[in-house]
Amino acid sequence: MTEFTVVDRPVDPPPGAVAVLPEVLIAMRWWRGVAMRRAEPVAMTPLERFTLELALTTGRADPNEFFEITGLPGALLPIAARRLVTSRALTPADGGYLPQPQVAEHAARIQTVYEQRHASLDFILLPRTGDLLALDPRSSGLRAVEALRPRSAGNAPVSAGLVGTSLAAYLRTRLQDRTVAGIGDDIVEVGQLAAESPPMIPNGLCPVYRCQGELRAEGERYLPVITLPGNGNNEPVSLVLTGADGLARHWLALADTISDPAVLARAWAVVTGRNTHTAPRAQRTAPARWTCRLSAADASHLAGRGRNLALPVGIAIHEEDAVIEVTIDIAGADQAADALIDTDRMLTAAAAPGVDTSAVPRTRAAWQRAWQLGFPGLAYALREAEDFSYA
């Protein structure tokens, strides 16, 4: 069940971030330096151009036809067709090769084939959300993670489909489905046979790591970032999980919970310290920020509890695998509430070091409120005339 606690001193997210998660439990597996095959464009040789034209003109590149026209042995045809097959322009059939119309015609126009070369990528799997990320080994951050040697906080069961599956087989399936984030169209194959590849999750359990998180905005997408805590010899390590859209949606859904008026009422009861089935009217202003409009009665109640109405309220939403902080700005729903909020704003501004306080009323209500808000210096200044009046 979702639980709520009040954050005493909420802070705005770092620049570029829209939400902060002070605690996250994330199930994660990673693999470094996985062999892949990259298709790189190269210019066709004259023999490849002839072979492709033969297939397009006659509907089939045949060894006998190849020999009759060129005088070259038909055994050279597989060599001439090799890169055309890799490029999917031709398909082997009964000792010859059939053109794949659209691909073959495009290849003939640009006079280009693709040659497979070895590549190496790092991968991160988040089994709870199904995110699979491909990363450049030079910037993935996984080398630093392994140097950190993070301890798992436990283990999470994974779906039956992952148990016993080899890494190569799983990557090949996801690559064919084009569901690997961060991988380009030039990566066309896994450079390892399934039989030679280790099982992904041999015991059906994935390590879970305790870390901190934040959600950053990038255009219309959100990027999850996790930070694994450091130890005596290593600094904390942050990983930007670009393309982990499932995780981003999961984190946003945590903040979304208080969009439900009934859930917001439960959270508001924690703020006010009294049970209530209703909450102030709220308007969402950012993924993890709302503005609540308080009545005079609600504002007076909060002020009586010592809360500074000029400052936002922080609420931590606790779920099983994450804690996310949301911020609620306070606004008035009527003139009386506005007056209470304006008083706190005036006193908060006047309490800053070096600020001229001459405009603040020297009234008992003002200095008592300043004292209640934790501004003793301002309170003494406001009651100075009263304390030292000997007339």
Foldseek 3Di string as FASTA:
>chain_A
DKDKAWDPDDDQDPPQFFWWFAKFKFFKDKDWFFKFKFWDKDAADPLLLVQLVVCVVVQKRALVVVCVVPVDHSVCQCVSCVQVVVQVQWDDDPRIIGGPPPSSVVCNVVRITIDIDIDTWMWMAGQVLGAIETHDNVPQQVVQVVVQVADFPDKDFGDPVQAQFFPQVVVQVCVVVVRYPPDDPRGDHGPDDRVVGDRPDHVRITGIAMWIWTWGDDPPAIWIKTWHCGDPVHHITIGTRPPSRSVVVVVLVLLCPCVPQQVVQNNVCNLLVHHDRGAADWDDDGSQEIEGADELVSLVSNLVVLDQLLDWIWMWIDDPGTIIIGIYHYHHPDDNSNVSNVLSVLLVVCLPPPHDNPPPALDPVSLVSNVSNPRPVVSCVSCVCVVPPPD
